[in-house]
Amino acid sequence: MSTKTISPYLQGPFAPIDTEYTSFDLDVTGNLPPELDGRYLRNGPNPIAETDPANYHWFLGDGMVHGIRLRDGRAEWYRNRWVRSRNVSNVLGEEAKPGERHSDMDTANTNVIGHAGRTYAIVEAGARPVELSEELETICHTDLSGGLPHGYTAHPKRDPRTGELHAISYWWGRPDVVEYTVIDSAGAVTKRVDVPVPGGPMIHDCSITERYVVVYDLPVAFDVDAAMGGARFPYTWQPGRAARVGLLPRDGAVAELRWFEVEPCYVFHPLNAWDDGDRVVLDVVRHPKIFDVDRLGPNEGPPMLWRWTVDCSSGKVTEEQLDDQSLEFPRVDERRVGLPHRFGWGTAFGPPDGEAGLSHPIGLVRYDTRTGAREVVDFGPGRLPGELVFVPRSADAAEDDGWYMTIVSDLASGRGELVVLDAGAPGEGPVARVHLPTRVPMGFHGNWVPTGS
């Protein structure tokens, strides 16, 4: 089959792998810090049997979670496992995993988190979390004891003060509302509120501050015509739709929600948000538009870091571009979520290349809000990093006292590595590289899950 008839998200560094590995005592170049005791986990699409390769959408591939277990300066194991949707179980000839599904989509391919001693693969748009074992085997699809009747999201925000998960979720079957949910530190849903947001918007992520949960209602929404025409992912750019952000008081009523207009764009991932007197500051990675011409992936203009300052007194939003470096997967120290931070970072992307004009990741970009400095760390030719996660050296360590970790795909060797950088000096190169037995396709999100959490 000619490569021109295959989606670019099935080729090159995106191409799926076809084996589940279990490898022990992994080779390490350098020295793993002995303080690292836990699992680095990463989720992403890895279609097991794609029936329509020309129209494959990157967001719809079967989920595969990759994990590396670190302890006592050793890399004890690597595992990769398909998240058992009905499709995956059917292809593998297995019984379907237990748990009532909410919608036809039961693929959890976007993020993987640890919470209340459990591991969950998660996705947006109506599917429920999938509980995984310590070794990444699928246990069940879960609605958390009835607390999530309409599915969940790929991006809950954990309040570092309370340990609660705050989330905004959507589903095409309820086009005029989104759900605000709170899951407590023990794993129980303690709050679920319908928020009126008409028109079926695609809301990938949210933000929290000490006072608010932030709702991003932007011009990508469910497209009935696209759905009737057979589109597998019927969310498209809506040029006539307003772009706005909503501030919903975390302890208030839905009637207190306030909307503030911004220029049309799309935000998959905010970097962080915080309160500043009568203002709320939102640092976001802003895409000029998505799913307008290219309907198979987010490939329409470079995403860049912007700051939106919402003035609650005047009702105005000041919009400021902070940098011209293309980036995605923005993060801050998890202990600073919803609070002012010193360091923010993301995965830096190079210019578009190849026939499909896709941008590939090149390294780390980090911002120091105290000094105003920007640092870009290039990982080298043909070395493609994913999302970078920070692990502090200790509970009270500074925001640059610890390590950044990411899975890097090395195109020359055809294998992946877990790369560990000193957060105090990321430009000095890795302190350790854990060599994996396989290539890891370009994917989405991951997290560090400490032992016992």
Protein backbone atom coordinates (compact mmCIF):
# COMPACT_ATOMS: atom_id res chain seq x y z
CA MET A 1 0.00 0.00 0.00
CA SER A 2 1.36 3.44 -0.90
CA THR A 3 2.27 5.55 2.11
CA LYS A 4 0.16 8.32 0.57
CA THR A 5 -2.95 6.32 1.45
CA ILE A 6 -1.97 5.94 5.10
CA SER A 7 -2.57 8.54 7.78
CA PRO A 8 0.71 10.22 8.80
CA TYR A 9 -0.18 9.28 12.38
CA LEU A 10 0.44 5.62 11.51
CA GLN A 11 3.92 6.23 10.09
CA GLY A 12 7.44 6.98 11.24
CA PRO A 13 7.68 7.81 14.97
CA PHE A 14 3.87 7.50 15.29
CA ALA A 15 3.75 3.93 13.95
CA PRO A 16 2.31 1.43 16.44
CA ILE A 17 4.22 -1.50 17.88
CA ASP A 18 2.75 -5.00 17.95
CA THR A 19 4.26 -6.62 21.05
CA GLU A 20 3.67 -6.44 24.79
CA TYR A 21 7.05 -6.64 26.53
CA THR A 22 8.06 -7.55 30.05
CA SER A 23 11.76 -6.89 30.68
CA PHE A 24 13.68 -6.95 33.97
CA ASP A 25 16.94 -5.36 35.18
CA LEU A 26 17.19 -2.83 32.37
CA ASP A 27 20.55 -1.51 31.24
CA VAL A 28 21.30 2.01 32.48
CA THR A 29 23.83 4.51 31.18
CA GLY A 30 24.85 6.85 34.00
CA ASN A 31 23.49 6.64 37.52
CA LEU A 32 19.85 6.59 38.55
CA PRO A 33 19.26 8.73 41.65
CA PRO A 34 18.43 6.37 44.55
CA GLU A 35 15.69 8.79 45.67
CA LEU A 36 13.59 7.73 42.64
CA ASP A 37 11.29 5.05 44.01
CA GLY A 38 8.18 4.50 41.90
CA ARG A 39 6.91 4.11 38.34
CA TYR A 40 7.20 6.40 35.38
CA LEU A 41 4.04 5.80 33.31
CA ARG A 42 3.12 7.04 29.83
CA ASN A 43 -0.06 6.50 27.78
CA GLY A 44 -0.71 6.95 24.09
CA PRO A 45 -2.51 5.59 21.02
CA ASN A 46 -1.26 2.30 19.61
CA PRO A 47 -3.90 0.82 17.26
CA ILE A 48 -3.99 -2.95 17.41
CA ALA A 49 -5.86 -3.53 14.13
CA GLU A 50 -6.64 -0.38 12.17
CA THR A 51 -9.41 -1.02 9.61
CA ASP A 52 -9.29 2.35 7.84
CA PRO A 53 -5.63 3.48 7.74
CA ALA A 54 -6.23 6.37 5.35
CA ASN A 55 -8.65 8.05 7.77
CA TYR A 56 -7.01 7.06 11.05
CA HIS A 57 -7.27 9.87 13.61
CA TRP A 58 -4.40 10.12 16.09
CA PHE A 59 -6.77 10.58 19.02
CA LEU A 60 -8.63 7.31 18.42
CA GLY A 61 -5.96 4.61 18.53
CA ASP A 62 -6.20 1.85 21.14
CA GLY A 63 -4.46 2.89 24.34
CA MET A 64 -1.09 1.47 25.35
CA VAL A 65 0.53 2.25 28.69
CA HIS A 66 4.31 2.04 29.08
CA GLY A 67 5.88 1.80 32.52
CA ILE A 68 9.36 1.74 34.05
CA ARG A 69 9.82 0.71 37.70
CA LEU A 70 12.72 2.45 39.48
CA ARG A 71 14.05 1.58 42.93
CA ASP A 72 17.39 1.71 44.77
CA GLY A 73 19.21 3.14 41.76
CA ARG A 74 18.00 0.32 39.50
CA ALA A 75 15.50 0.04 36.67
CA GLU A 76 13.68 -3.07 37.85
CA TRP A 77 11.32 -3.53 34.92
CA TYR A 78 9.71 -2.20 31.78
CA ARG A 79 6.23 -3.21 30.71
CA ASN A 80 3.90 -2.06 27.97
CA ARG A 81 0.28 -3.17 27.88
CA TRP A 82 -2.69 -2.38 25.70
CA VAL A 83 -5.51 -0.97 27.79
CA ARG A 84 -8.22 -3.59 27.33
CA SER A 85 -11.08 -1.96 25.49
CA ARG A 86 -13.67 -4.25 23.93
CA ASN A 87 -11.83 -3.98 20.62
CA VAL A 88 -8.45 -4.90 22.09
CA SER A 89 -9.88 -7.83 24.03
CA ASN A 90 -11.68 -9.06 20.91
CA VAL A 91 -8.57 -8.88 18.71
CA LEU A 92 -6.50 -10.68 21.35
CA GLY A 93 -9.14 -13.36 21.78
CA GLU A 94 -9.73 -12.50 25.44
CA GLU A 95 -12.86 -12.12 27.50
CA ALA A 96 -13.94 -8.50 27.84
CA LYS A 97 -12.79 -6.86 31.05
CA PRO A 98 -15.51 -6.15 33.63
CA GLY A 99 -17.18 -2.83 34.14
CA GLU A 100 -20.15 -1.15 32.50
CA ARG A 101 -19.17 1.11 29.62
CA HIS A 102 -20.74 4.52 29.30
CA SER A 103 -20.46 4.93 25.53
CA ASP A 104 -19.32 3.06 22.46
CA MET A 105 -15.90 4.59 23.00
CA ASP A 106 -14.15 2.69 25.79
CA THR A 107 -10.58 3.37 24.69
CA ALA A 108 -8.49 5.09 27.39
CA ASN A 109 -5.46 6.29 25.44
CA THR A 110 -4.53 9.77 26.65
CA ASN A 111 -3.25 9.91 30.22
CA VAL A 112 -2.37 7.62 33.12
CA ILE A 113 -2.42 8.69 36.75
CA GLY A 114 -2.04 7.32 40.24
CA HIS A 115 -4.68 8.26 42.79
CA ALA A 116 -5.68 6.86 46.19
CA GLY A 117 -3.38 3.88 45.72
CA ARG A 118 -4.79 2.94 42.31
CA THR A 119 -3.69 3.43 38.72
CA TYR A 120 -6.07 4.74 36.06
CA ALA A 121 -5.81 5.10 32.30
CA ILE A 122 -8.05 7.99 31.26
CA VAL A 123 -9.44 9.73 28.20
CA GLU A 124 -12.04 12.39 27.45
CA ALA A 125 -15.38 12.55 25.64
CA GLY A 126 -17.46 10.10 27.63
CA ALA A 127 -15.32 7.06 28.39
CA ARG A 128 -14.78 6.04 31.98
CA PRO A 129 -11.44 5.50 33.71
CA VAL A 130 -9.82 2.08 33.33
CA GLU A 131 -8.19 0.72 36.46
CA LEU A 132 -4.80 -0.94 35.95
CA SER A 133 -2.75 -3.13 38.25
CA GLU A 134 0.71 -2.22 39.51
CA GLU A 135 2.05 -4.21 36.54
CA LEU A 136 -0.28 -2.38 34.09
CA GLU A 137 -2.75 -5.22 33.48
CA THR A 138 -6.31 -4.03 32.95
CA ILE A 139 -8.53 -4.73 35.97
CA CYS A 140 -11.82 -3.07 35.04
CA HIS A 141 -13.64 -0.10 33.58
CA THR A 142 -15.01 1.91 36.49
CA ASP A 143 -17.51 4.65 37.29
CA LEU A 144 -16.03 5.02 40.81
CA SER A 145 -18.99 3.47 42.59
CA GLY A 146 -21.54 5.37 40.54
CA GLY A 147 -19.85 8.74 40.88
CA LEU A 148 -19.08 9.12 37.16
CA PRO A 149 -22.29 8.28 35.29
CA HIS A 150 -21.19 10.15 32.15
CA GLY A 151 -17.53 9.29 31.93
CA TYR A 152 -14.55 11.46 32.79
CA THR A 153 -11.68 13.49 31.36
CA ALA A 154 -8.04 13.03 30.35
CA HIS A 155 -6.93 15.95 32.53
CA PRO A 156 -7.99 16.22 36.16
CA LYS A 157 -6.11 18.80 38.20
CA ARG A 158 -4.85 17.75 41.61
CA ASP A 159 -5.06 20.39 44.33
CA PRO A 160 -1.70 20.14 46.11
CA ARG A 161 -3.23 21.31 49.40
CA THR A 162 -6.07 18.76 49.61
CA GLY A 163 -5.10 15.98 47.20
CA GLU A 164 -8.49 16.34 45.46
CA LEU A 165 -8.87 15.87 41.71
CA HIS A 166 -10.88 18.63 39.98
CA ALA A 167 -12.12 18.06 36.44
CA ILE A 168 -14.31 19.32 33.63
CA SER A 169 -15.81 16.53 31.49
CA TYR A 170 -17.91 16.53 28.33
CA TRP A 171 -19.84 14.03 26.20
CA TRP A 172 -21.51 14.53 22.83
CA GLY A 173 -24.72 12.95 24.15
CA ARG A 174 -25.20 15.87 26.56
CA PRO A 175 -24.36 18.75 24.20
CA ASP A 176 -25.56 21.63 26.37
CA VAL A 177 -23.73 20.88 29.62
CA VAL A 178 -20.32 19.91 30.92
CA GLU A 179 -19.69 18.33 34.31
CA TYR A 180 -17.53 19.67 37.10
CA THR A 181 -16.44 16.87 39.40
CA VAL A 182 -14.31 16.59 42.51
CA ILE A 183 -12.72 13.30 43.59
CA ASP A 184 -11.35 13.33 47.13
CA SER A 185 -7.97 12.00 48.23
CA ALA A 186 -9.55 8.64 49.10
CA GLY A 187 -10.88 8.17 45.54
CA ALA A 188 -14.58 9.00 46.08
CA VAL A 189 -16.55 11.44 43.96
CA THR A 190 -17.69 14.14 46.38
CA LYS A 191 -19.09 16.70 43.95
CA ARG A 192 -20.68 16.53 40.51
CA VAL A 193 -22.30 19.63 39.01
CA ASP A 194 -23.81 20.23 35.57
CA VAL A 195 -22.51 23.48 34.07
CA PRO A 196 -24.51 24.97 31.16
CA VAL A 197 -22.19 25.21 28.13
CA PRO A 198 -24.22 24.86 24.91
CA GLY A 199 -23.12 23.60 21.52
CA GLY A 200 -21.13 20.50 22.40
CA PRO A 201 -17.64 22.00 22.82
CA MET A 202 -14.52 19.84 23.00
CA ILE A 203 -12.96 20.75 26.35
CA HIS A 204 -9.70 18.86 26.63
CA ASP A 205 -8.38 20.30 29.88
CA CYS A 206 -9.16 22.73 32.69
CA SER A 207 -7.32 24.84 35.24
CA ILE A 208 -7.78 25.45 38.93
CA THR A 209 -6.80 28.27 41.24
CA GLU A 210 -7.41 28.58 44.95
CA ARG A 211 -10.80 30.18 44.20
CA TYR A 212 -11.89 28.92 40.77
CA VAL A 213 -12.10 26.09 38.33
CA VAL A 214 -11.49 27.46 34.82
CA VAL A 215 -13.66 26.28 31.90
CA TYR A 216 -12.22 26.66 28.37
CA ASP A 217 -15.10 27.05 25.88
CA LEU A 218 -13.29 27.47 22.56
CA PRO A 219 -14.32 27.13 18.88
CA VAL A 220 -13.98 23.36 18.46
CA ALA A 221 -17.28 21.54 18.87
CA PHE A 222 -19.30 18.52 17.88
CA ASP A 223 -20.11 18.71 14.16
CA VAL A 224 -23.39 16.98 13.30
CA ASP A 225 -22.66 17.12 9.56
CA ALA A 226 -19.27 15.53 10.04
CA ALA A 227 -20.79 12.81 12.22
CA MET A 228 -23.52 12.12 9.65
CA GLY A 229 -20.83 11.98 6.97
CA GLY A 230 -19.04 9.20 8.79
CA ALA A 231 -16.25 11.12 10.50
CA ARG A 232 -14.80 8.98 13.27
CA PHE A 233 -13.83 12.06 15.26
CA PRO A 234 -16.61 14.59 14.52
CA TYR A 235 -15.17 17.62 16.30
CA THR A 236 -14.21 20.49 14.02
CA TRP A 237 -13.22 24.15 14.04
CA GLN A 238 -16.32 26.38 14.27
CA PRO A 239 -15.39 29.83 12.91
CA GLY A 240 -18.62 31.49 14.08
CA ARG A 241 -18.36 30.24 17.65
CA ALA A 242 -17.21 32.61 20.40
CA ALA A 243 -14.03 31.85 22.34
CA ARG A 244 -14.31 32.37 26.08
CA VAL A 245 -13.06 31.25 29.45
CA GLY A 246 -15.32 30.73 32.44
CA LEU A 247 -14.50 31.22 36.11
CA LEU A 248 -16.61 28.95 38.30
CA PRO A 249 -16.16 29.45 42.05
CA ARG A 250 -15.01 26.15 43.51
CA ASP A 251 -17.20 26.64 46.56
CA GLY A 252 -20.00 28.56 44.86
CA ALA A 253 -23.07 27.92 42.75
CA VAL A 254 -23.23 27.45 38.98
CA ALA A 255 -25.16 30.72 38.79
CA GLU A 256 -21.96 32.48 39.86
CA LEU A 257 -20.07 31.32 36.74
CA ARG A 258 -18.66 34.30 34.80
CA TRP A 259 -17.56 34.24 31.18
CA PHE A 260 -14.79 36.31 29.60
CA GLU A 261 -14.17 36.50 25.85
CA VAL A 262 -10.78 35.85 24.24
CA GLU A 263 -9.58 35.84 20.65
CA PRO A 264 -10.49 32.64 18.73
CA CYS A 265 -7.95 29.86 19.26
CA TYR A 266 -7.73 26.44 20.88
CA VAL A 267 -6.06 25.37 24.10
CA PHE A 268 -5.38 21.71 24.70
CA HIS A 269 -3.21 22.30 27.75
CA PRO A 270 -2.81 25.19 30.16
CA LEU A 271 0.54 25.52 31.89
CA ASN A 272 -0.90 26.82 35.17
CA ALA A 273 -3.31 29.34 36.69
CA TRP A 274 -3.41 31.38 39.88
CA ASP A 275 -5.28 34.16 41.66
CA ASP A 276 -3.79 37.64 41.80
CA GLY A 277 -6.12 39.87 43.79
CA ASP A 278 -9.14 40.64 41.57
CA ARG A 279 -7.37 39.04 38.64
CA VAL A 280 -6.84 35.46 37.52
CA VAL A 281 -3.70 34.68 35.53
CA LEU A 282 -3.85 31.87 32.96
CA ASP A 283 -0.68 30.67 31.23
CA VAL A 284 -1.78 28.51 28.28
CA VAL A 285 -0.37 26.89 25.17
CA ARG A 286 -2.40 28.50 22.40
CA HIS A 287 -3.07 26.88 18.99
CA PRO A 288 -4.24 29.35 16.30
CA LYS A 289 -6.80 26.73 15.25
CA ILE A 290 -7.22 22.96 14.96
CA PHE A 291 -9.37 20.51 12.98
CA ASP A 292 -10.23 23.04 10.30
CA VAL A 293 -8.34 21.68 7.28
CA ASP A 294 -6.44 18.78 8.85
CA ARG A 295 -9.09 16.58 10.45
CA LEU A 296 -6.73 13.76 11.54
CA GLY A 297 -4.59 15.60 14.09
CA PRO A 298 -3.77 19.00 15.62
CA ASN A 299 -1.58 20.31 12.80
CA GLU A 300 -2.60 23.88 11.90
CA GLY A 301 -0.12 26.42 13.13
CA PRO A 302 2.56 26.31 15.84
CA PRO A 303 1.30 26.29 19.45
CA MET A 304 2.97 28.89 21.65
CA LEU A 305 2.90 30.08 25.25
CA TRP A 306 0.50 32.93 26.02
CA ARG A 307 -0.72 34.65 29.17
CA TRP A 308 -4.35 35.59 29.63
CA THR A 309 -4.95 37.92 32.58
CA VAL A 310 -8.63 38.00 33.52
CA ASP A 311 -9.67 41.18 35.30
CA CYS A 312 -12.76 40.27 37.28
CA SER A 313 -13.51 43.93 38.04
CA SER A 314 -13.53 45.21 34.44
CA GLY A 315 -14.61 41.97 32.75
CA LYS A 316 -11.69 42.26 30.33
CA VAL A 317 -8.95 39.81 29.39
CA THR A 318 -5.44 40.97 28.51
CA GLU A 319 -3.78 38.57 26.06
CA GLU A 320 0.01 38.47 25.78
CA GLN A 321 2.27 36.14 23.82
CA LEU A 322 5.13 35.11 26.09
CA ASP A 323 7.39 33.30 23.60
CA ASP A 324 7.72 32.31 19.94
CA GLN A 325 9.06 28.82 20.64
CA SER A 326 6.65 26.11 19.50
CA LEU A 327 5.82 23.81 22.41
CA GLU A 328 3.23 21.49 23.89
CA PHE A 329 2.70 19.30 26.97
CA PRO A 330 3.29 22.21 29.41
CA ARG A 331 3.89 21.36 33.06
CA VAL A 332 4.75 22.89 36.41
CA ASP A 333 5.83 21.34 39.68
CA GLU A 334 2.70 19.50 40.83
CA ARG A 335 3.08 21.15 44.23
CA ARG A 336 2.40 24.52 42.53
CA VAL A 337 -0.73 23.66 40.55
CA GLY A 338 -3.21 26.49 41.03
CA LEU A 339 -0.55 28.64 42.72
CA PRO A 340 2.15 31.01 41.44
CA HIS A 341 5.14 29.01 40.17
CA ARG A 342 8.75 29.79 39.45
CA PHE A 343 9.51 27.23 36.74
CA GLY A 344 7.27 26.15 33.89
CA TRP A 345 8.32 23.95 31.01
CA GLY A 346 7.14 21.98 28.03
CA THR A 347 8.27 19.86 25.13
CA ALA A 348 9.84 22.03 22.43
CA PHE A 349 8.92 21.30 18.81
CA GLY A 350 10.89 21.98 15.64
CA PRO A 351 9.56 23.39 12.36
CA PRO A 352 7.16 21.30 10.24
CA ASP A 353 8.85 18.81 7.95
CA GLY A 354 8.06 15.87 5.68
CA GLU A 355 5.22 15.38 3.23
CA ALA A 356 2.55 15.77 5.93
CA GLY A 357 4.16 18.89 7.37
CA LEU A 358 4.20 17.56 10.92
CA SER A 359 6.31 19.04 13.69
CA HIS A 360 8.40 16.69 15.80
CA PRO A 361 9.61 17.23 19.37
CA ILE A 362 13.25 18.23 19.83
CA GLY A 363 13.78 18.81 23.53
CA LEU A 364 12.91 20.74 26.68
CA VAL A 365 11.97 24.41 26.90
CA ARG A 366 11.94 25.87 30.41
CA TYR A 367 10.87 29.29 31.70
CA ASP A 368 12.10 30.91 34.90
CA THR A 369 9.49 33.44 36.01
CA ARG A 370 11.84 34.90 38.61
CA THR A 371 14.66 35.81 36.20
CA GLY A 372 12.73 35.87 32.93
CA ALA A 373 15.17 33.39 31.41
CA ARG A 374 14.22 30.83 28.78
CA GLU A 375 16.28 27.69 28.28
CA VAL A 376 15.96 25.24 25.38
CA VAL A 377 17.69 21.88 25.74
CA ASP A 378 17.99 20.04 22.42
CA PHE A 379 18.06 16.25 22.81
CA GLY A 380 20.04 15.72 19.61
CA PRO A 381 19.30 14.64 16.02
CA GLY A 382 16.67 11.93 15.71
CA ARG A 383 15.94 11.88 19.45
CA LEU A 384 12.29 12.68 20.07
CA PRO A 385 11.21 13.38 23.67
CA GLY A 386 7.72 13.16 25.06
CA GLU A 387 6.12 15.01 27.96
CA LEU A 388 8.61 15.92 30.71
CA VAL A 389 7.62 15.21 34.32
CA PHE A 390 9.30 16.73 37.38
CA VAL A 391 10.08 14.67 40.48
CA PRO A 392 11.26 16.70 43.50
CA ARG A 393 14.15 15.35 45.54
CA SER A 394 12.04 15.61 48.69
CA ALA A 395 8.66 16.94 49.75
CA ASP A 396 10.06 20.37 50.62
CA ALA A 397 12.67 20.64 47.84
CA ALA A 398 12.87 23.73 45.64
CA GLU A 399 11.19 23.74 42.22
CA ASP A 400 14.52 22.99 40.51
CA ASP A 401 15.80 20.46 43.06
CA GLY A 402 14.96 17.11 41.56
CA TRP A 403 14.72 15.54 38.13
CA TYR A 404 12.92 15.78 34.81
CA MET A 405 11.98 12.48 33.21
CA THR A 406 10.68 11.60 29.77
CA ILE A 407 10.66 8.75 27.29
CA VAL A 408 12.83 9.53 24.27
CA SER A 409 12.48 7.72 20.95
CA ASP A 410 15.89 7.26 19.33
CA LEU A 411 15.28 6.94 15.61
CA ALA A 412 18.79 5.63 14.88
CA SER A 413 18.59 2.69 17.28
CA GLY A 414 14.85 2.14 16.86
CA ARG A 415 14.46 1.91 20.63
CA GLY A 416 13.20 4.03 23.46
CA GLU A 417 14.94 5.36 26.56
CA LEU A 418 13.78 6.80 29.83
CA VAL A 419 15.93 9.92 30.14
CA VAL A 420 16.54 11.52 33.54
CA LEU A 421 17.82 15.13 33.72
CA ASP A 422 19.00 17.11 36.73
CA ALA A 423 16.37 19.85 37.07
CA GLY A 424 19.01 22.17 38.45
CA ALA A 425 21.12 21.84 35.29
CA PRO A 426 19.06 20.24 32.51
CA GLY A 427 21.43 21.50 29.80
CA GLU A 428 24.29 19.40 31.14
CA GLY A 429 22.81 16.22 29.70
CA PRO A 430 21.19 13.17 31.24
CA VAL A 431 22.26 11.87 34.61
CA ALA A 432 20.81 8.51 33.53
CA ARG A 433 19.38 6.81 30.46
CA VAL A 434 17.34 3.63 30.94
CA HIS A 435 17.42 1.53 27.77
CA LEU A 436 14.09 0.00 26.79
CA PRO A 437 13.62 -3.17 24.71
CA THR A 438 11.40 -1.48 22.14
CA ARG A 439 10.58 1.72 20.35
CA VAL A 440 7.87 3.79 22.05
CA PRO A 441 5.54 5.51 19.56
CA MET A 442 4.94 9.22 19.95
CA GLY A 443 2.09 9.50 22.39
CA PHE A 444 0.46 11.74 24.92
CA HIS A 445 0.72 12.04 28.68
CA GLY A 446 2.49 10.44 31.58
CA ASN A 447 3.21 10.85 35.25
CA TRP A 448 5.52 9.76 38.00
CA VAL A 449 3.70 7.59 40.55
CA PRO A 450 5.75 7.26 43.76
CA THR A 451 5.68 3.99 45.63
CA GLY A 452 2.80 3.92 48.08
CA SER A 453 0.76 6.69 46.44
